[in-house]
Amino acid sequence: MAPMRLLDMTSYFPLLWVITDQFGQIKEESISFQELRDGLNHTEEKELTKKLCVNEKNGASFYLSGQLLRHFKMGYQNEANLQAHLFIEDPEFEAIQAELQDEKQANQELNRILEHSYDGISINTADGITLKVNNSVERFTGIPKEYFIGKSAEKLVTRGFLQESLYSRIIKTKKPATAFQGGKNGHQIVMTGSPLLNNNGEVDKIIYNIRDVSELLPYYRKFGQESLPTDAIYTSNQSPLPVLHSSAMADIHEMVNRINQIDATVLLLGETGVGKDVLAKHIHQSSPRRNGELVKVNCGAIPAELMESELFGYEAGAFSGASRYGKAGMFEMADGGILFLDEIGELALPLQVKLLQVLQDREIRRVGGSKTKRVDVRVIAATNRDLKEMAENGKFREDLYYRLNILPIRIPPLRERRADILPLAEYYINHFNAAFGMTKMLSKPLKHLLFSNRWSGNVRELANLIQRLMILSKNDELGLEDLPEEYRDSKGSENESNSLLQLTVEQAERNLLEDALRTYKTTYEIAEALQSSQATIARKMKKYGLTSTS
């Protein structure tokens, strides 16, 4: 028997070797290598042929058929046209693969934890740019969470999503910081930002935790209580118009009740914070559509590129990133109810055309769809801008303006209805006392300041200030010393020369007139009793929002 060559002997060992010519054609191969090749698909076979032809550094690794291989090549028996190739499985591959799999599972588990957190969570870069938010952030804001990605905290403040950015404080102190962000969509939001520091002690990431304290504080303050008090949180079943002391608001309430059986479009006008959304809730609850949904859309908060799909919905695969099941729009969600289009003046002109068409035809077509669908929706629009002037300047469609302006209602700013200021303050004190489990009250000097303040932010500013004082103050009686710095400055007053004495006189006048109204029916009788003229009494009653029979 002829002696066996070394090459023949190694063919029977589990070694991956092959002899090729200069074109990569296989001349000889081990049994193990042949078995490897037999199991390759077409793509993998092309990759292997490429490795056999290309000159590359010895020991280079590549992935093939579930294995990480290192490739070694050398000349064969002084044959210029032949090359010997040896492939060795990398012993670290399985460990690396297992480590990557564990890391992938850990990331998936972390994502599930983030998405199922009841509190909102936002992860930001050291530059303040949002990297990731969970679903609860969308629940608190009503804005698709994808919108926040790539946005800075400063931009979110500008757009009105945040009242205060914690970014600068955290970067400066490198310590956690907390701020009250006000109430939105029935939530009372407090945000805490915590820095993640790198090995050099610099801020690498900032993690924000966003929670609804109106749900947490009752448990905190009344530990052991089995359930929340029934009036702890403001719900849509409560009266949306808690204060109607001024004649202006009483007139608006009476008009709404008179016209609400007419299923026509309503346009709410007024400055930011006067309570347009509250009046929209009242219109919904007192209308024949009360059993349908009240769907609110903030036309100034949703980006223009998302607005069409949010209003009218989209079909499956309508655009990149769209749900494969499609999505119903706000008009479809409000079918049988009311659609509240807040900040309608911010709606882009191209969308104004489509909105006008829907209002005229009562039909919508989803983005990417070919069929129309009838919708039964009453529309309430609201704005703090002069739509008529915008229409004249070409910034708002004139035909849409007249379509919306069927039943216009102007809500006066708080400074024009001072009779509502203190009753509103007391309402919010009682409301937050119930919500937070507190027993706080306003001092007389603080009431005088509240009454005299200009309230450029109107009812929203008043409510947020009351809430802020109640959360931050250690005292049961809230006083001037509890006020933020900006409110201690007399510049916030309607008249900087208003003294405490003047305010006391005004309050005394009001109390005197209220007492007189309980006894006398007309302004003439009151004037005679108070030894004043009827014109003076009428003027004073108008100033304080009081009414009589004549």
Protein backbone atom coordinates (compact mmCIF):
# COMPACT_ATOMS: atom_id res chain seq x y z
CA MET A 1 0.00 0.00 0.00
CA ALA A 2 1.32 3.43 -0.96
CA PRO A 3 2.07 5.73 1.96
CA MET A 4 -0.71 8.32 2.70
CA ARG A 5 0.15 11.97 2.02
CA LEU A 6 -0.04 14.47 4.85
CA LEU A 7 -2.71 16.31 2.87
CA ASP A 8 -4.75 13.13 2.65
CA MET A 9 -4.35 12.53 6.36
CA THR A 10 -5.48 16.03 7.36
CA SER A 11 -8.58 15.65 5.18
CA TYR A 12 -10.00 13.35 7.84
CA PHE A 13 -9.42 15.80 10.70
CA PRO A 14 -12.06 18.50 11.45
CA LEU A 15 -9.98 21.21 9.80
CA LEU A 16 -11.26 23.75 7.30
CA TRP A 17 -8.62 23.99 4.58
CA VAL A 18 -8.63 24.32 0.80
CA ILE A 19 -6.09 24.61 -2.04
CA THR A 20 -6.99 27.06 -4.86
CA ASP A 21 -5.41 28.40 -8.03
CA GLN A 22 -4.85 32.10 -8.74
CA PHE A 23 -8.50 32.42 -9.87
CA GLY A 24 -9.90 31.00 -6.64
CA GLN A 25 -10.86 27.70 -8.21
CA ILE A 26 -10.75 24.87 -5.68
CA LYS A 27 -8.17 22.13 -6.42
CA GLU A 28 -8.32 20.20 -3.16
CA GLU A 29 -10.24 20.58 0.08
CA SER A 30 -10.77 18.89 3.42
CA ILE A 31 -13.90 16.90 4.14
CA SER A 32 -14.94 19.48 6.76
CA PHE A 33 -14.57 22.33 4.27
CA GLN A 34 -16.59 20.43 1.65
CA GLU A 35 -19.36 19.87 4.20
CA LEU A 36 -19.29 23.58 5.04
CA ARG A 37 -19.64 24.52 1.36
CA ASP A 38 -22.49 22.09 0.83
CA GLY A 39 -24.52 23.92 3.48
CA LEU A 40 -24.07 27.42 2.05
CA ASN A 41 -26.74 29.39 0.23
CA HIS A 42 -26.00 31.29 -2.96
CA THR A 43 -25.10 34.56 -1.23
CA GLU A 44 -22.80 32.85 1.27
CA GLU A 45 -21.11 30.89 -1.51
CA LYS A 46 -20.33 34.11 -3.38
CA GLU A 47 -18.88 35.62 -0.18
CA LEU A 48 -16.61 32.59 0.31
CA THR A 49 -15.40 32.67 -3.34
CA LYS A 50 -14.56 36.34 -2.88
CA LYS A 51 -12.47 35.51 0.20
CA LEU A 52 -10.55 32.89 -1.74
CA CYS A 53 -9.63 35.41 -4.50
CA VAL A 54 -8.98 38.65 -2.60
CA ASN A 55 -5.66 39.43 -0.98
CA GLU A 56 -6.20 40.49 2.61
CA LYS A 57 -4.39 40.55 5.91
CA ASN A 58 -3.79 37.13 7.46
CA GLY A 59 -6.05 36.45 10.40
CA ALA A 60 -8.87 38.67 9.11
CA SER A 61 -12.22 37.53 10.49
CA PHE A 62 -15.57 37.25 8.73
CA TYR A 63 -18.97 35.78 9.44
CA LEU A 64 -20.14 32.75 7.46
CA SER A 65 -23.00 30.34 8.02
CA GLY A 66 -23.39 31.08 11.71
CA GLN A 67 -19.67 30.99 12.44
CA LEU A 68 -17.01 33.63 12.98
CA LEU A 69 -13.95 32.46 11.01
CA ARG A 70 -10.37 33.72 10.77
CA HIS A 71 -8.74 33.36 7.34
CA PHE A 72 -5.04 32.47 6.88
CA LYS A 73 -3.46 32.14 3.40
CA MET A 74 0.01 31.06 2.20
CA GLY A 75 1.80 29.66 -0.83
CA TYR A 76 1.56 25.90 -1.40
CA GLN A 77 4.66 23.70 -1.98
CA ASN A 78 6.47 26.34 -4.01
CA GLU A 79 3.65 26.29 -6.56
CA ALA A 80 3.35 29.87 -7.82
CA ASN A 81 -0.24 29.36 -8.99
CA LEU A 82 -1.54 27.61 -5.89
CA GLN A 83 -2.60 28.99 -2.53
CA ALA A 84 -3.36 27.16 0.71
CA HIS A 85 -6.20 28.58 2.81
CA LEU A 86 -6.88 27.69 6.42
CA PHE A 87 -10.07 28.78 8.18
CA ILE A 88 -10.10 28.65 11.99
CA GLU A 89 -13.27 29.18 14.00
CA ASP A 90 -12.86 32.09 16.42
CA PRO A 91 -13.24 30.65 19.93
CA GLU A 92 -14.59 33.97 21.23
CA PHE A 93 -17.46 34.11 18.77
CA GLU A 94 -20.00 32.17 20.82
CA ALA A 95 -19.21 34.25 23.88
CA ILE A 96 -19.55 37.48 21.86
CA GLN A 97 -22.78 36.26 20.28
CA ALA A 98 -24.21 35.30 23.69
CA GLU A 99 -23.19 38.67 25.10
CA LEU A 100 -24.85 40.52 22.23
CA GLN A 101 -28.01 38.45 22.66
CA ASP A 102 -28.08 39.19 26.40
CA GLU A 103 -27.61 42.90 25.68
CA LYS A 104 -30.41 42.84 23.11
CA GLN A 105 -32.77 41.17 25.58
CA ALA A 106 -31.78 43.66 28.29
CA ASN A 107 -32.52 46.58 25.91
CA GLN A 108 -35.89 45.08 25.01
CA GLU A 109 -36.70 44.60 28.69
CA LEU A 110 -35.66 48.19 29.46
CA ASN A 111 -37.85 49.50 26.64
CA ARG A 112 -40.82 47.52 27.97
CA ILE A 113 -40.25 48.95 31.44
CA LEU A 114 -40.05 52.51 30.05
CA GLU A 115 -43.20 52.13 27.96
CA HIS A 116 -45.19 50.64 30.86
CA SER A 117 -44.14 53.31 33.36
CA TYR A 118 -47.20 55.26 34.48
CA ASP A 119 -45.02 58.35 34.94
CA GLY A 120 -43.67 60.09 31.88
CA ILE A 121 -39.97 59.51 31.15
CA SER A 122 -37.78 61.51 28.77
CA ILE A 123 -34.10 60.86 28.01
CA ASN A 124 -32.10 63.86 26.78
CA THR A 125 -28.55 64.51 25.64
CA ALA A 126 -26.14 66.82 27.45
CA ASP A 127 -27.11 69.42 24.81
CA GLY A 128 -30.74 69.21 25.90
CA ILE A 129 -31.98 67.31 22.82
CA THR A 130 -34.68 64.69 23.40
CA LEU A 131 -33.56 61.14 22.49
CA LYS A 132 -36.50 59.07 23.74
CA VAL A 133 -39.84 59.51 25.49
CA ASN A 134 -42.34 56.92 26.65
CA ASN A 135 -46.06 56.63 25.98
CA SER A 136 -47.06 58.44 29.19
CA VAL A 137 -45.59 61.69 27.85
CA GLU A 138 -48.05 61.44 24.97
CA ARG A 139 -50.84 60.75 27.49
CA PHE A 140 -50.00 63.89 29.48
CA THR A 141 -49.59 66.23 26.49
CA GLY A 142 -51.93 64.78 23.88
CA ILE A 143 -49.13 65.14 21.31
CA PRO A 144 -47.64 62.14 19.45
CA LYS A 145 -44.45 61.21 21.28
CA GLU A 146 -42.50 61.14 18.00
CA TYR A 147 -42.81 64.94 17.84
CA PHE A 148 -40.58 65.42 20.89
CA ILE A 149 -37.66 63.45 19.45
CA GLY A 150 -34.85 65.77 18.39
CA LYS A 151 -36.42 68.84 20.05
CA SER A 152 -34.66 70.92 22.70
CA ALA A 153 -36.25 71.82 26.05
CA GLU A 154 -36.11 75.52 25.12
CA LYS A 155 -38.15 74.87 21.97
CA LEU A 156 -40.73 72.91 23.97
CA VAL A 157 -41.05 75.91 26.33
CA THR A 158 -41.51 78.20 23.33
CA ARG A 159 -44.23 75.94 21.91
CA GLY A 160 -46.01 75.93 25.28
CA PHE A 161 -45.47 72.28 26.22
CA LEU A 162 -43.30 73.27 29.20
CA GLN A 163 -43.58 76.32 31.45
CA GLU A 164 -39.98 76.10 32.61
CA SER A 165 -36.85 74.36 31.33
CA LEU A 166 -34.72 72.59 33.94
CA TYR A 167 -31.84 72.09 31.50
CA SER A 168 -29.73 75.15 32.44
CA ARG A 169 -30.08 74.47 36.18
CA ILE A 170 -29.04 70.82 35.84
CA ILE A 171 -26.06 71.60 33.60
CA LYS A 172 -24.89 74.31 36.00
CA THR A 173 -25.32 72.44 39.30
CA LYS A 174 -24.94 68.83 38.02
CA LYS A 175 -27.67 67.97 40.52
CA PRO A 176 -31.32 66.94 40.19
CA ALA A 177 -33.86 69.77 39.83
CA THR A 178 -37.66 69.91 40.03
CA ALA A 179 -40.20 72.37 38.60
CA PHE A 180 -43.96 72.63 38.54
CA GLN A 181 -45.15 72.65 34.92
CA GLY A 182 -48.77 73.68 35.46
CA GLY A 183 -51.94 71.90 34.52
CA LYS A 184 -52.63 70.50 31.05
CA ASN A 185 -55.50 68.26 29.94
CA GLY A 186 -56.62 67.80 33.54
CA HIS A 187 -53.14 66.87 34.78
CA GLN A 188 -51.11 68.75 37.41
CA ILE A 189 -47.59 68.14 36.24
CA VAL A 190 -44.32 68.18 38.20
CA MET A 191 -41.07 67.40 36.36
CA THR A 192 -37.80 66.23 37.90
CA GLY A 193 -34.58 66.09 35.89
CA SER A 194 -31.61 63.96 37.04
CA PRO A 195 -28.16 64.15 35.42
CA LEU A 196 -26.10 61.10 34.43
CA LEU A 197 -22.41 61.93 34.81
CA ASN A 198 -19.57 60.38 32.79
CA ASN A 199 -16.17 59.33 34.16
CA ASN A 200 -14.95 62.93 33.95
CA GLY A 201 -17.81 64.18 36.12
CA GLU A 202 -19.53 65.93 33.20
CA VAL A 203 -23.22 65.61 32.33
CA ASP A 204 -23.67 62.90 29.71
CA LYS A 205 -27.45 62.45 29.73
CA ILE A 206 -30.43 63.96 31.56
CA ILE A 207 -33.34 61.75 32.62
CA TYR A 208 -36.65 63.55 33.20
CA ASN A 209 -39.43 62.03 35.29
CA ILE A 210 -42.87 63.57 34.74
CA ARG A 211 -45.64 62.85 37.22
CA ASP A 212 -49.22 63.93 37.95
CA VAL A 213 -49.17 65.19 41.54
CA SER A 214 -52.95 65.52 41.68
CA GLU A 215 -53.02 61.71 41.83
CA LEU A 216 -50.02 61.25 44.14
CA LEU A 217 -50.48 63.89 46.83
CA PRO A 218 -53.74 62.54 48.32
CA TYR A 219 -51.97 59.23 48.98
CA TYR A 220 -48.91 60.98 50.34
CA ARG A 221 -50.85 63.21 52.72
CA LYS A 222 -53.50 60.69 53.73
CA PHE A 223 -51.46 57.52 54.00
CA GLY A 224 -53.66 54.56 54.64
CA GLN A 225 -56.72 55.98 52.89
CA GLU A 226 -58.23 53.27 50.73
CA SER A 227 -59.48 55.49 47.92
CA LEU A 228 -59.35 59.06 46.70
CA PRO A 229 -62.06 61.47 47.84
CA THR A 230 -64.77 61.78 45.22
CA ASP A 231 -64.00 65.46 44.64
CA ALA A 232 -60.21 65.02 44.66
CA ILE A 233 -59.72 65.48 40.95
CA TYR A 234 -61.59 67.72 38.53
CA THR A 235 -63.47 65.58 36.02
CA SER A 236 -65.64 66.31 33.01
CA ASN A 237 -68.72 65.46 35.10
CA GLN A 238 -68.19 68.50 37.29
CA SER A 239 -69.48 71.90 36.26
CA PRO A 240 -67.00 73.35 33.75
CA LEU A 241 -68.13 76.90 34.61
CA PRO A 242 -67.39 77.14 38.34
CA VAL A 243 -67.58 80.96 38.62
CA LEU A 244 -70.15 83.26 37.03
CA HIS A 245 -70.07 86.28 39.35
CA SER A 246 -69.48 88.96 36.72
CA SER A 247 -72.33 90.14 34.53
CA ALA A 248 -70.17 89.48 31.42
CA MET A 249 -69.77 85.78 32.20
CA ALA A 250 -73.39 85.44 33.28
CA ASP A 251 -74.46 86.90 29.91
CA ILE A 252 -72.20 84.43 28.05
CA HIS A 253 -73.62 81.54 30.05
CA GLU A 254 -77.18 82.61 29.30
CA MET A 255 -76.42 83.01 25.58
CA VAL A 256 -74.77 79.57 25.37
CA ASN A 257 -77.80 77.93 26.98
CA ARG A 258 -80.09 79.77 24.59
CA ILE A 259 -78.27 78.83 21.36
CA ASN A 260 -76.96 75.40 22.32
CA GLN A 261 -79.89 73.51 20.87
CA ILE A 262 -78.90 74.89 17.45
CA ASP A 263 -76.29 72.58 15.91
CA ALA A 264 -74.14 75.34 14.42
CA THR A 265 -70.41 76.11 14.45
CA VAL A 266 -69.20 78.22 17.39
CA LEU A 267 -66.16 80.52 17.34
CA LEU A 268 -64.71 81.33 20.77
CA LEU A 269 -62.63 84.51 20.87
CA GLY A 270 -60.43 85.85 23.64
CA GLU A 271 -56.93 86.20 25.00
CA THR A 272 -54.82 83.23 26.05
CA GLY A 273 -56.01 81.72 29.32
CA VAL A 274 -59.48 83.29 29.53
CA GLY A 275 -61.16 79.86 29.60
CA LYS A 276 -62.09 79.08 26.01
CA ASP A 277 -61.53 75.35 26.57
CA VAL A 278 -63.69 75.47 29.73
CA LEU A 279 -66.52 77.11 27.80
CA ALA A 280 -66.14 74.50 25.04
CA LYS A 281 -66.64 71.77 27.67
CA HIS A 282 -69.76 73.55 28.92
CA ILE A 283 -71.16 73.79 25.38
CA HIS A 284 -70.55 70.06 24.94
CA GLN A 285 -72.10 69.04 28.26
CA SER A 286 -75.21 71.19 27.82
CA SER A 287 -75.83 70.27 24.16
CA PRO A 288 -77.73 67.34 22.61
CA ARG A 289 -74.30 65.91 21.72
CA ARG A 290 -73.32 65.42 25.38
CA ASN A 291 -73.28 61.62 24.95
CA GLY A 292 -70.77 61.89 22.09
CA GLU A 293 -67.05 62.58 22.40
CA LEU A 294 -65.51 66.03 22.86
CA VAL A 295 -62.23 65.76 20.94
CA LYS A 296 -59.76 68.60 21.34
CA VAL A 297 -57.08 69.42 18.76
CA ASN A 298 -54.51 72.14 19.42
CA CYS A 299 -53.78 73.48 15.93
CA GLY A 300 -50.73 75.37 17.20
CA ALA A 301 -49.12 72.42 18.98
CA ILE A 302 -49.19 69.75 16.29
CA PRO A 303 -46.60 70.20 13.49
CA ALA A 304 -48.04 71.09 10.09
CA GLU A 305 -46.63 67.91 8.53
CA LEU A 306 -48.60 65.77 11.02
CA MET A 307 -51.77 67.86 11.16
CA GLU A 308 -53.54 66.41 8.11
CA SER A 309 -53.17 62.81 9.25
CA GLU A 310 -54.21 63.80 12.80
CA LEU A 311 -57.39 65.50 11.58
CA PHE A 312 -58.46 63.15 8.81
CA GLY A 313 -56.59 59.92 9.64
CA TYR A 314 -54.60 57.78 7.22
CA GLU A 315 -54.79 54.42 5.46
CA ALA A 316 -52.33 51.58 6.01
CA GLY A 317 -48.98 52.31 4.33
CA ALA A 318 -49.96 55.89 3.48
CA PHE A 319 -46.45 57.12 4.30
CA SER A 320 -43.18 55.98 5.82
CA GLY A 321 -43.66 55.04 9.46
CA ALA A 322 -47.46 54.77 9.16
CA SER A 323 -49.22 52.02 11.09
CA ARG A 324 -49.94 48.98 8.96
CA TYR A 325 -53.51 49.10 10.27
CA GLY A 326 -54.09 52.76 9.41
CA LYS A 327 -55.45 55.27 11.94
CA ALA A 328 -58.72 57.12 12.47
CA GLY A 329 -58.46 60.91 12.51
CA MET A 330 -59.96 63.38 14.98
CA PHE A 331 -63.06 63.93 12.82
CA GLU A 332 -63.84 60.21 12.91
CA MET A 333 -63.19 60.06 16.66
CA ALA A 334 -65.61 62.97 17.19
CA ASP A 335 -68.34 61.44 15.00
CA GLY A 336 -71.63 62.05 16.82
CA GLY A 337 -69.96 64.56 19.14
CA ILE A 338 -67.97 67.79 19.02
CA LEU A 339 -64.53 68.58 17.59
CA PHE A 340 -62.81 71.45 19.41
CA LEU A 341 -60.21 73.14 17.17
CA ASP A 342 -58.17 75.26 19.57
CA GLU A 343 -55.80 77.93 18.19
CA ILE A 344 -57.48 77.72 14.79
CA GLY A 345 -55.53 80.80 13.65
CA GLU A 346 -52.34 78.69 13.60
CA LEU A 347 -53.71 76.24 11.02
CA ALA A 348 -51.68 76.23 7.80
CA LEU A 349 -53.40 77.64 4.70
CA PRO A 350 -53.36 74.35 2.71
CA LEU A 351 -55.17 72.61 5.57
CA GLN A 352 -57.68 75.46 5.82
CA VAL A 353 -58.87 74.52 2.34
CA LYS A 354 -59.44 70.90 3.37
CA LEU A 355 -61.13 71.92 6.62
CA LEU A 356 -63.50 74.21 4.72
CA GLN A 357 -64.37 71.32 2.39
CA VAL A 358 -65.19 69.04 5.33
CA LEU A 359 -67.35 71.70 6.99
CA GLN A 360 -69.27 72.16 3.75
CA ASP A 361 -69.65 68.53 2.66
CA ARG A 362 -69.55 66.74 6.03
CA GLU A 363 -67.22 64.18 4.45
CA ILE A 364 -63.57 63.29 5.10
CA ARG A 365 -60.99 61.34 3.13
CA ARG A 366 -58.09 59.70 4.95
CA VAL A 367 -54.53 60.42 3.83
CA GLY A 368 -53.65 57.81 1.20
CA GLY A 369 -57.30 56.82 0.83
CA SER A 370 -59.55 56.86 -2.22
CA LYS A 371 -62.99 56.80 -0.57
CA THR A 372 -64.81 59.48 1.39
CA LYS A 373 -66.68 58.91 4.65
CA ARG A 374 -69.55 60.96 6.05
CA VAL A 375 -69.08 62.37 9.55
CA ASP A 376 -71.63 63.91 11.93
CA VAL A 377 -69.54 66.43 13.85
CA ARG A 378 -70.22 69.84 15.37
CA VAL A 379 -67.17 72.11 15.33
CA ILE A 380 -66.12 74.59 17.99
CA ALA A 381 -63.13 76.72 17.04
CA ALA A 382 -61.14 79.01 19.32
CA THR A 383 -58.43 81.61 18.82
CA ASN A 384 -56.69 84.51 20.56
CA ARG A 385 -55.99 86.16 17.20
CA ASP A 386 -58.02 88.56 15.04
CA LEU A 387 -59.16 86.21 12.27
CA LYS A 388 -60.93 88.98 10.37
CA GLU A 389 -57.74 91.03 10.17
CA MET A 390 -55.78 87.90 9.22
CA ALA A 391 -58.29 87.22 6.43
CA GLU A 392 -57.93 90.77 5.14
CA ASN A 393 -54.13 90.34 5.09
CA GLY A 394 -54.31 86.98 3.30
CA LYS A 395 -53.10 84.99 6.32
CA PHE A 396 -56.43 83.22 6.88
CA ARG A 397 -58.99 82.12 4.30
CA GLU A 398 -61.90 84.54 4.23
CA ASP A 399 -64.41 81.84 3.25
CA LEU A 400 -63.32 79.67 6.18
CA TYR A 401 -63.56 82.66 8.53
CA TYR A 402 -67.21 83.25 7.60
CA ARG A 403 -67.92 79.52 7.84
CA LEU A 404 -66.57 79.50 11.42
CA ASN A 405 -67.98 82.87 12.49
CA ILE A 406 -71.63 81.73 12.63
CA LEU A 407 -71.92 81.97 16.42
CA PRO A 408 -69.00 84.08 17.74
CA ILE A 409 -68.56 84.39 21.51
CA ARG A 410 -65.97 86.76 22.96
CA ILE A 411 -64.73 85.91 26.45
CA PRO A 412 -63.41 89.08 28.13
CA PRO A 413 -60.01 89.02 29.85
CA LEU A 414 -59.94 88.69 33.63
CA ARG A 415 -58.94 92.35 34.12
CA GLU A 416 -62.27 93.36 32.52
CA ARG A 417 -64.29 91.18 34.91
CA ARG A 418 -62.65 91.74 38.27
CA ALA A 419 -65.76 90.50 40.04
CA ASP A 420 -64.64 86.98 39.09
CA ILE A 421 -61.07 87.22 40.44
CA LEU A 422 -61.58 86.49 44.14
CA PRO A 423 -64.38 83.92 43.61
CA LEU A 424 -62.11 82.14 41.12
CA ALA A 425 -59.23 82.25 43.60
CA GLU A 426 -61.47 80.73 46.29
CA TYR A 427 -62.70 78.10 43.83
CA TYR A 428 -59.15 76.99 43.04
CA ILE A 429 -58.17 77.05 46.73
CA ASN A 430 -61.07 74.68 47.50
CA HIS A 431 -60.36 72.56 44.43
CA PHE A 432 -56.66 72.06 45.18
CA ASN A 433 -57.34 71.58 48.90
CA ALA A 434 -59.50 68.61 47.94
CA ALA A 435 -57.05 67.36 45.32
CA PHE A 436 -53.94 67.63 47.50
CA GLY A 437 -55.45 66.84 50.89
CA MET A 438 -54.71 70.34 52.23
CA THR A 439 -56.54 72.94 54.32
CA LYS A 440 -55.00 76.17 53.04
CA MET A 441 -56.55 79.61 52.71
CA LEU A 442 -55.75 83.10 51.36
CA SER A 443 -54.74 85.94 53.66
CA LYS A 444 -56.45 89.35 53.23
CA PRO A 445 -53.30 91.11 51.92
CA LEU A 446 -52.87 88.35 49.33
CA LYS A 447 -56.52 88.70 48.29
CA HIS A 448 -55.98 92.45 47.77
CA LEU A 449 -52.97 91.75 45.56
CA LEU A 450 -54.81 89.10 43.55
CA PHE A 451 -57.70 91.52 43.02
CA SER A 452 -55.38 94.30 41.79
CA ASN A 453 -53.09 92.24 39.56
CA ARG A 454 -53.39 92.74 35.80
CA TRP A 455 -53.43 88.97 35.02
CA SER A 456 -52.00 89.07 31.52
CA GLY A 457 -52.27 85.27 31.53
CA ASN A 458 -55.89 85.49 32.72
CA VAL A 459 -57.59 82.57 34.51
CA ARG A 460 -54.83 80.12 33.62
CA GLU A 461 -52.22 82.35 35.25
CA LEU A 462 -54.38 82.76 38.36
CA ALA A 463 -54.99 79.00 38.66
CA ASN A 464 -51.32 78.14 38.16
CA LEU A 465 -50.22 80.71 40.74
CA ILE A 466 -52.69 79.37 43.33
CA GLN A 467 -51.52 75.83 42.67
CA ARG A 468 -47.87 76.83 42.86
CA LEU A 469 -48.39 78.63 46.18
CA MET A 470 -50.23 75.67 47.69
CA ILE A 471 -47.54 73.18 46.70
CA LEU A 472 -44.51 75.24 47.69
CA SER A 473 -45.74 77.13 50.77
CA LYS A 474 -45.24 75.60 54.23
CA ASN A 475 -47.99 77.79 55.72
CA ASP A 476 -51.70 77.03 55.91
CA GLU A 477 -52.47 80.72 55.38
CA LEU A 478 -50.96 81.89 52.11
CA GLY A 479 -49.51 85.39 52.35
CA LEU A 480 -47.56 87.93 50.34
CA GLU A 481 -44.28 86.38 51.52
CA ASP A 482 -45.18 83.16 49.65
CA LEU A 483 -45.42 84.92 46.29
CA PRO A 484 -42.77 84.39 43.61
CA GLU A 485 -40.47 87.36 43.07
CA GLU A 486 -42.21 88.55 39.92
CA TYR A 487 -45.52 89.00 41.77
CA ARG A 488 -44.00 90.98 44.63
CA ASP A 489 -43.08 93.73 42.18
CA SER A 490 -45.80 96.35 41.91
CA LYS A 491 -45.38 96.36 38.11
CA GLY A 492 -47.84 93.49 37.94
CA SER A 493 -50.68 95.70 39.22
CA GLU A 494 -53.30 97.24 37.02
CA ASN A 495 -52.36 100.62 38.46
CA GLU A 496 -48.94 100.93 40.07
CA SER A 497 -50.23 103.67 42.39
CA ASN A 498 -52.91 101.38 43.84
CA SER A 499 -52.32 101.26 47.56
CA LEU A 500 -53.67 98.80 50.07
CA LEU A 501 -56.03 101.54 51.25
CA GLN A 502 -57.48 102.03 47.76
CA LEU A 503 -58.02 98.30 47.37
CA THR A 504 -59.68 98.12 50.78
CA VAL A 505 -62.04 100.96 49.79
CA GLU A 506 -62.97 99.14 46.58
CA GLN A 507 -63.67 95.93 48.48
CA ALA A 508 -65.76 97.86 51.01
CA GLU A 509 -67.74 99.48 48.18
CA ARG A 510 -68.46 96.10 46.68
CA ASN A 511 -69.54 94.61 50.01
CA LEU A 512 -71.83 97.60 50.65
CA LEU A 513 -73.49 97.28 47.25
CA GLU A 514 -73.94 93.52 47.68
CA ASP A 515 -75.63 94.10 51.05
CA ALA A 516 -77.88 96.76 49.51
CA LEU A 517 -78.91 94.41 46.70
CA ARG A 518 -80.25 91.95 49.25
CA THR A 519 -82.62 94.64 50.57
CA TYR A 520 -83.43 96.86 47.58
CA LYS A 521 -84.51 95.85 44.10
CA THR A 522 -83.55 98.84 41.92
CA THR A 523 -80.58 101.17 41.54
CA TYR A 524 -82.87 104.10 42.38
CA GLU A 525 -83.78 102.58 45.74
CA ILE A 526 -80.11 101.77 46.46
CA ALA A 527 -79.06 105.34 45.53
CA GLU A 528 -81.67 106.79 47.86
CA ALA A 529 -80.64 104.49 50.72
CA LEU A 530 -76.92 105.23 50.28
CA GLN A 531 -77.49 108.94 49.67
CA SER A 532 -75.89 108.85 46.23
CA SER A 533 -76.99 109.37 42.63
CA GLN A 534 -78.51 106.59 40.52
CA ALA A 535 -75.83 107.14 37.84
CA THR A 536 -73.02 106.65 40.39
CA ILE A 537 -74.63 103.47 41.76
CA ALA A 538 -75.12 102.09 38.22
CA ARG A 539 -71.49 102.86 37.34
CA LYS A 540 -70.16 101.22 40.52
CA MET A 541 -72.31 98.13 40.01
CA LYS A 542 -71.04 97.76 36.46
CA LYS A 543 -67.45 98.10 37.74
CA TYR A 544 -67.92 95.26 40.23
CA GLY A 545 -70.04 93.08 37.92
CA LEU A 546 -73.24 93.40 40.01
CA THR A 547 -76.77 93.49 38.58
CA SER A 548 -80.19 94.62 39.75
CA THR A 549 -83.65 94.61 38.26
CA SER A 550 -83.14 98.14 36.87
